[in-house]
């Protein structure tokens, strides 16, 4: 009797069905994760910027709770006064809140700024602007989402006004900008930060010591600007730069992000940027962000074809441009000193000049050798902010 042949037909699940099941699982998991994210404070900020205006009040309340806690920890709650102003958000009426408080002369507005910025970011909010106004006597910070302000805080610092008459201003002024801070806090960096001259420090964002340098600059009574990475020819970048291949939205988002990560800055200059500063669309987008933040722009002139300075003037952005790189292509103190002499000649001829150096030993030694001249002559060394127009 012949044996019955067993069926060789596979009982395994077909590959297509298995792939479909895996895809469904991925979709379900992604959906669950997305729902949970959108329920967080950061998710609600995201939804507000995507047109869900009903989340305005929730975002506002979340930020208010966290920022009021920080205000209390800083000892500023006692003088806090609150007002509100009605605004329309996509057809719905909400009230933007405004807090006004004050602190004594020993209070560091930079540290207040840093604490409020960190608190805002901690609960998923966005610092829309952060600046010192009225000659540095008032810190003004606006928070909310990328598109909407929910709260503005003004912190007034009480000061003792001197009755002494200031001496007449020298006829020639020089601003020295020291670029590329944030990589380290080595001996030369510290020496520049400690020198008794009104230097302007340009800080590259998101580097290991960017925050440290910003803190030291403000504590030493000097000024800091953002050294904005921008596209250059044949370059390798340590920090993501503004590229000509980016869309306007990508450029604006990157610039806003860098501004948010460098609290205390009063202006911006380009880091590299020989390509980007020749592109009208790119510069209009960058300068558009700078204008909304009430900052100024220094054209470092890394390219003779740069249109950044003229574009800034056309857009009404306070601006200046570099006259001379003090230490480009040299490690010789004597060369830097010769270029300082050239900068002084420019200032005496035109009335002002701007020079850019870097935290190098030969540059520090040259500046140090000219310290007395820059303090006690017809040349006055000033912060860069005094020369923008």
Foldseek 3Di string as FASTA:
>chain_A
DDDDDDDPDDPDDDPVVVVVVVVVVVVVVVVVVLVVCCVALLNLLVVCVVQPVVSQVVNLVQLVVLLVVVCVVLVFPVFKDKDWDWDARNNDIDTAMEIETEDEQVDQVLVNQVSSLVSQVVRNKAWLAWEADPVRQKIWTFIGHVVDTRYIYIYGYDDDDDPDDDDDAQQFEEAEEAEDPQQDCDPLVVLVLQDPAQHEYEAEFPHNCRVVSLVSNSVSVHAYAYAAEADAPPDDDPDDHHYPPDDLVVLLVVLSVRCSRRHRHQAYEYDHHQPQQLDLVSLVSNLVSCVVRNHAYEYACNDVNGPNQVSCVVVVGFYYYADEEQQPPHPALVSSLVVVVVQVVVRVVPRYHYYYYYSHPSNSVSCVVCVVVCVDHSYDYHHPVVVTD
